[in-house]
């Protein structure tokens, strides 16, 4: 459920609004227990996603580091290698039924 919650700080290029919103949505889904809220809870759910996104955006903009920014492509390649080592060929999209 939390696949889109990734480290967003200190990357080049910086995190996009889409990435921040995706991580916020996954966080709210996790803590609420709803993948899709009922109509009665939809407004509260959407408001929570926006509040979490605003807090994440503020945090990312406020943090400082002396480390060089990480390269997104290098980090993605490392994640793919970890996944392949853990799950084998299926992690690379070779699993039956995957496109």
N, C-alpha and C. Protein backbone atom coordinates (compact mmCIF):
# COMPACT_ATOMS: atom_id res chain seq x y z
N UNK A 1 0.82 -1.20 0.00
CA UNK A 1 0.00 0.00 0.00
C UNK A 1 0.86 1.26 0.00
N UNK A 2 2.08 1.20 0.51
CA UNK A 2 2.88 2.42 0.67
C UNK A 2 4.00 2.53 -0.35
N UNK A 3 3.80 1.99 -1.52
CA UNK A 3 4.87 2.02 -2.52
C UNK A 3 5.28 3.43 -2.92
N UNK A 4 4.38 4.38 -2.89
CA UNK A 4 4.72 5.73 -3.33
C UNK A 4 5.31 6.61 -2.24
N UNK A 5 5.42 6.08 -1.03
CA UNK A 5 6.05 6.87 0.02
C UNK A 5 7.54 6.61 -0.08
N UNK A 6 8.22 7.58 -0.64
CA UNK A 6 9.67 7.49 -0.85
C UNK A 6 10.32 8.74 -0.30
N UNK A 7 11.62 8.63 -0.09
CA UNK A 7 12.38 9.80 0.32
C UNK A 7 12.28 10.84 -0.78
N UNK A 8 11.91 12.05 -0.40
CA UNK A 8 11.74 13.12 -1.38
C UNK A 8 12.75 14.25 -1.21
N UNK A 9 13.50 14.22 -0.13
CA UNK A 9 14.44 15.30 0.16
C UNK A 9 15.81 15.04 -0.47
N UNK A 10 16.43 16.09 -0.93
CA UNK A 10 17.81 16.11 -1.41
C UNK A 10 18.00 15.29 -2.68
N UNK A 11 17.12 15.49 -3.63
CA UNK A 11 17.26 14.87 -4.94
C UNK A 11 17.43 15.94 -5.99
N UNK A 12 18.09 15.58 -7.06
CA UNK A 12 18.22 16.46 -8.21
C UNK A 12 17.64 15.73 -9.40
N UNK A 13 16.62 16.19 -10.03
CA UNK A 13 15.85 17.39 -9.72
C UNK A 13 15.00 17.19 -8.46
N UNK A 14 14.57 18.30 -7.84
CA UNK A 14 13.78 18.21 -6.61
C UNK A 14 12.45 17.49 -6.81
N UNK A 15 11.87 17.08 -5.71
CA UNK A 15 10.57 16.39 -5.74
C UNK A 15 9.53 17.27 -6.41
N UNK A 16 8.68 16.64 -7.19
CA UNK A 16 7.61 17.37 -7.88
C UNK A 16 6.35 17.38 -7.01
N UNK A 17 5.41 18.22 -7.37
CA UNK A 17 4.12 18.26 -6.68
C UNK A 17 3.42 16.92 -6.78
N UNK A 18 3.56 16.27 -7.92
CA UNK A 18 2.91 14.96 -8.12
C UNK A 18 3.48 13.94 -7.15
N UNK A 19 4.80 13.93 -6.97
CA UNK A 19 5.43 12.99 -6.04
C UNK A 19 5.01 13.26 -4.60
N UNK A 20 4.95 14.53 -4.23
CA UNK A 20 4.55 14.90 -2.88
C UNK A 20 3.10 14.49 -2.65
N UNK A 21 2.23 14.74 -3.61
CA UNK A 21 0.82 14.38 -3.46
C UNK A 21 0.64 12.87 -3.42
N UNK A 22 1.38 12.12 -4.24
CA UNK A 22 1.28 10.65 -4.24
C UNK A 22 1.69 10.08 -2.89
N UNK A 23 2.78 10.60 -2.32
CA UNK A 23 3.22 10.13 -1.01
C UNK A 23 2.19 10.50 0.06
N UNK A 24 1.62 11.67 -0.04
CA UNK A 24 0.61 12.12 0.93
C UNK A 24 -0.64 11.25 0.84
N UNK A 25 -1.06 10.95 -0.36
CA UNK A 25 -2.23 10.09 -0.56
C UNK A 25 -2.00 8.71 0.04
N UNK A 26 -0.83 8.14 -0.21
CA UNK A 26 -0.52 6.82 0.34
C UNK A 26 -0.49 6.86 1.87
N UNK A 27 0.05 7.93 2.44
CA UNK A 27 0.11 8.07 3.90
C UNK A 27 -1.30 8.13 4.48
N UNK A 28 -2.16 8.93 3.90
CA UNK A 28 -3.53 9.05 4.39
C UNK A 28 -4.28 7.73 4.20
N UNK A 29 -4.06 7.06 3.10
CA UNK A 29 -4.68 5.75 2.90
C UNK A 29 -4.25 4.78 3.99
N UNK A 30 -2.97 4.79 4.31
CA UNK A 30 -2.43 3.87 5.31
C UNK A 30 -3.03 4.14 6.68
N UNK A 31 -3.02 5.39 7.11
CA UNK A 31 -3.48 5.66 8.47
C UNK A 31 -5.00 5.61 8.60
N UNK A 32 -5.72 5.85 7.50
CA UNK A 32 -7.18 5.80 7.57
C UNK A 32 -7.72 4.39 7.38
N UNK A 33 -6.95 3.56 6.69
CA UNK A 33 -7.42 2.22 6.38
C UNK A 33 -8.33 2.17 5.16
N UNK A 34 -8.51 3.32 4.49
CA UNK A 34 -9.35 3.39 3.29
C UNK A 34 -8.47 3.52 2.06
N UNK A 35 -8.71 2.66 1.07
CA UNK A 35 -8.07 2.86 -0.22
C UNK A 35 -8.85 3.94 -0.97
N UNK A 36 -10.16 3.83 -0.90
CA UNK A 36 -11.07 4.84 -1.44
C UNK A 36 -12.10 5.11 -0.35
N UNK A 37 -12.21 6.37 0.10
CA UNK A 37 -13.15 6.65 1.18
C UNK A 37 -14.60 6.62 0.70
N UNK A 38 -15.50 6.42 1.65
CA UNK A 38 -16.92 6.49 1.32
C UNK A 38 -17.27 7.94 1.00
N UNK A 39 -18.41 8.12 0.41
CA UNK A 39 -18.86 9.48 0.07
C UNK A 39 -18.92 10.35 1.33
N UNK A 40 -19.34 9.76 2.45
CA UNK A 40 -19.45 10.50 3.71
C UNK A 40 -18.09 10.95 4.23
N UNK A 41 -17.02 10.21 3.91
CA UNK A 41 -15.68 10.53 4.40
C UNK A 41 -14.79 11.20 3.36
N UNK A 42 -15.30 11.37 2.16
CA UNK A 42 -14.48 11.86 1.06
C UNK A 42 -13.89 13.25 1.33
N UNK A 43 -14.67 14.17 1.83
CA UNK A 43 -14.17 15.53 2.07
C UNK A 43 -13.07 15.53 3.12
N UNK A 44 -13.27 14.79 4.20
CA UNK A 44 -12.25 14.72 5.25
C UNK A 44 -10.98 14.06 4.73
N UNK A 45 -11.14 13.03 3.92
CA UNK A 45 -10.01 12.31 3.33
C UNK A 45 -9.21 13.24 2.42
N UNK A 46 -9.91 13.93 1.52
CA UNK A 46 -9.24 14.85 0.60
C UNK A 46 -8.55 16.00 1.33
N UNK A 47 -9.20 16.51 2.36
CA UNK A 47 -8.60 17.59 3.16
C UNK A 47 -7.33 17.09 3.86
N UNK A 48 -7.37 15.85 4.36
CA UNK A 48 -6.20 15.28 5.02
C UNK A 48 -5.04 15.13 4.03
N UNK A 49 -5.34 14.69 2.81
CA UNK A 49 -4.29 14.55 1.79
C UNK A 49 -3.65 15.91 1.52
N UNK A 50 -4.46 16.94 1.38
CA UNK A 50 -3.92 18.28 1.12
C UNK A 50 -3.12 18.80 2.31
N UNK A 51 -3.58 18.55 3.53
CA UNK A 51 -2.85 18.98 4.73
C UNK A 51 -1.50 18.27 4.84
N UNK A 52 -1.50 16.97 4.59
CA UNK A 52 -0.24 16.21 4.65
C UNK A 52 0.70 16.68 3.55
N UNK A 53 0.19 16.94 2.37
CA UNK A 53 1.03 17.42 1.26
C UNK A 53 1.63 18.78 1.61
N UNK A 54 0.85 19.66 2.22
CA UNK A 54 1.37 20.97 2.61
C UNK A 54 2.46 20.83 3.67
N UNK A 55 2.25 19.94 4.63
CA UNK A 55 3.25 19.72 5.68
C UNK A 55 4.53 19.13 5.08
N UNK A 56 4.38 18.17 4.16
CA UNK A 56 5.54 17.56 3.50
C UNK A 56 6.31 18.58 2.68
N UNK A 57 5.57 19.39 1.93
CA UNK A 57 6.19 20.44 1.11
C UNK A 57 6.98 21.40 1.99
N UNK A 58 6.38 21.83 3.10
CA UNK A 58 7.04 22.75 4.03
C UNK A 58 8.29 22.12 4.63
N UNK A 59 8.18 20.86 5.02
CA UNK A 59 9.33 20.16 5.59
C UNK A 59 10.47 20.08 4.59
N UNK A 60 10.17 19.63 3.38
CA UNK A 60 11.20 19.47 2.35
C UNK A 60 11.90 20.80 2.07
N UNK A 61 11.13 21.88 2.02
CA UNK A 61 11.71 23.19 1.74
C UNK A 61 12.52 23.73 2.90
N UNK A 62 12.23 23.26 4.12
CA UNK A 62 12.91 23.77 5.31
C UNK A 62 14.19 23.01 5.66
N UNK A 63 14.30 21.78 5.19
CA UNK A 63 15.46 20.96 5.55
C UNK A 63 16.72 21.47 4.86
N UNK A 64 17.84 21.31 5.53
CA UNK A 64 19.14 21.69 4.97
C UNK A 64 20.09 20.51 5.10
N UNK A 65 21.04 20.46 4.20
CA UNK A 65 22.05 19.41 4.23
C UNK A 65 23.31 19.90 3.54
N UNK A 66 24.42 19.30 3.92
CA UNK A 66 25.67 19.61 3.24
C UNK A 66 26.01 18.52 2.22
N UNK A 67 25.21 17.46 2.20
CA UNK A 67 25.44 16.36 1.26
C UNK A 67 25.06 16.78 -0.15
N UNK A 68 25.73 16.20 -1.11
CA UNK A 68 25.39 16.45 -2.50
C UNK A 68 24.03 15.84 -2.79
N UNK A 69 23.23 16.46 -3.67
CA UNK A 69 21.93 15.89 -4.02
C UNK A 69 22.10 14.52 -4.67
N UNK A 70 21.16 13.63 -4.39
CA UNK A 70 21.19 12.30 -4.99
C UNK A 70 20.55 12.35 -6.37
N UNK A 71 21.06 11.51 -7.23
CA UNK A 71 20.55 11.42 -8.59
C UNK A 71 19.41 10.42 -8.63
N UNK A 72 18.28 10.82 -9.17
CA UNK A 72 17.10 9.96 -9.20
C UNK A 72 17.34 8.67 -9.99
N UNK A 73 18.03 8.76 -11.10
CA UNK A 73 18.28 7.58 -11.92
C UNK A 73 19.17 6.58 -11.21
N UNK A 74 20.18 7.06 -10.51
CA UNK A 74 21.09 6.17 -9.76
C UNK A 74 20.32 5.48 -8.64
N UNK A 75 19.50 6.22 -7.92
CA UNK A 75 18.71 5.65 -6.83
C UNK A 75 17.69 4.64 -7.36
N UNK A 76 17.09 4.92 -8.50
CA UNK A 76 16.12 3.99 -9.10
C UNK A 76 16.82 2.70 -9.52
N UNK A 77 18.02 2.80 -10.08
CA UNK A 77 18.77 1.62 -10.48
C UNK A 77 19.13 0.78 -9.25
N UNK A 78 19.53 1.43 -8.17
CA UNK A 78 19.83 0.71 -6.93
C UNK A 78 18.60 -0.01 -6.40
N UNK A 79 17.45 0.66 -6.44
CA UNK A 79 16.21 0.04 -5.96
C UNK A 79 15.85 -1.17 -6.82
N UNK A 80 16.02 -1.06 -8.14
CA UNK A 80 15.74 -2.19 -9.02
C UNK A 80 16.67 -3.36 -8.71
N UNK A 81 17.95 -3.06 -8.45
CA UNK A 81 18.92 -4.11 -8.13
C UNK A 81 18.56 -4.79 -6.81
N UNK A 82 18.15 -4.01 -5.80
CA UNK A 82 17.73 -4.60 -4.52
C UNK A 82 16.50 -5.49 -4.71
N UNK A 83 15.57 -5.01 -5.52
CA UNK A 83 14.35 -5.77 -5.77
C UNK A 83 14.66 -7.07 -6.52
N UNK A 84 15.54 -7.00 -7.50
CA UNK A 84 15.90 -8.19 -8.26
C UNK A 84 16.61 -9.20 -7.36
N UNK A 85 17.48 -8.71 -6.47
CA UNK A 85 18.18 -9.60 -5.55
C UNK A 85 17.20 -10.24 -4.57
N UNK A 86 16.20 -9.51 -4.18
CA UNK A 86 15.23 -10.02 -3.21
C UNK A 86 14.20 -10.95 -3.85
N UNK A 87 13.69 -10.57 -5.00
CA UNK A 87 12.58 -11.30 -5.60
C UNK A 87 12.95 -12.05 -6.88
N UNK A 88 14.12 -11.87 -7.39
CA UNK A 88 14.52 -12.56 -8.61
C UNK A 88 13.98 -11.87 -9.84
N UNK A 89 13.81 -12.62 -10.91
CA UNK A 89 13.39 -12.05 -12.20
C UNK A 89 12.02 -11.42 -12.17
N UNK A 90 11.13 -11.87 -11.30
CA UNK A 90 9.78 -11.31 -11.25
C UNK A 90 9.81 -9.81 -10.97
N UNK A 91 10.80 -9.35 -10.24
CA UNK A 91 10.88 -7.93 -9.91
C UNK A 91 11.17 -7.08 -11.14
N UNK A 92 11.67 -7.70 -12.19
CA UNK A 92 12.03 -6.95 -13.40
C UNK A 92 10.91 -6.93 -14.43
N UNK A 93 9.73 -7.38 -14.04
CA UNK A 93 8.60 -7.34 -14.96
C UNK A 93 8.43 -8.60 -15.78
N UNK A 94 9.18 -9.68 -15.43
CA UNK A 94 9.09 -10.93 -16.18
C UNK A 94 8.04 -11.87 -15.62
N UNK A 95 7.31 -11.44 -14.61
CA UNK A 95 6.31 -12.31 -13.99
C UNK A 95 5.15 -12.53 -14.95
N UNK A 96 4.57 -13.70 -14.91
CA UNK A 96 3.40 -13.96 -15.75
C UNK A 96 2.28 -12.97 -15.43
N UNK A 97 1.61 -12.50 -16.45
CA UNK A 97 0.49 -11.60 -16.25
C UNK A 97 0.87 -10.14 -16.14
N UNK A 98 2.14 -9.86 -16.17
CA UNK A 98 2.57 -8.45 -16.11
C UNK A 98 2.78 -7.92 -17.51
N UNK A 99 2.50 -6.63 -17.67
CA UNK A 99 2.70 -6.01 -18.98
C UNK A 99 4.01 -5.30 -19.01
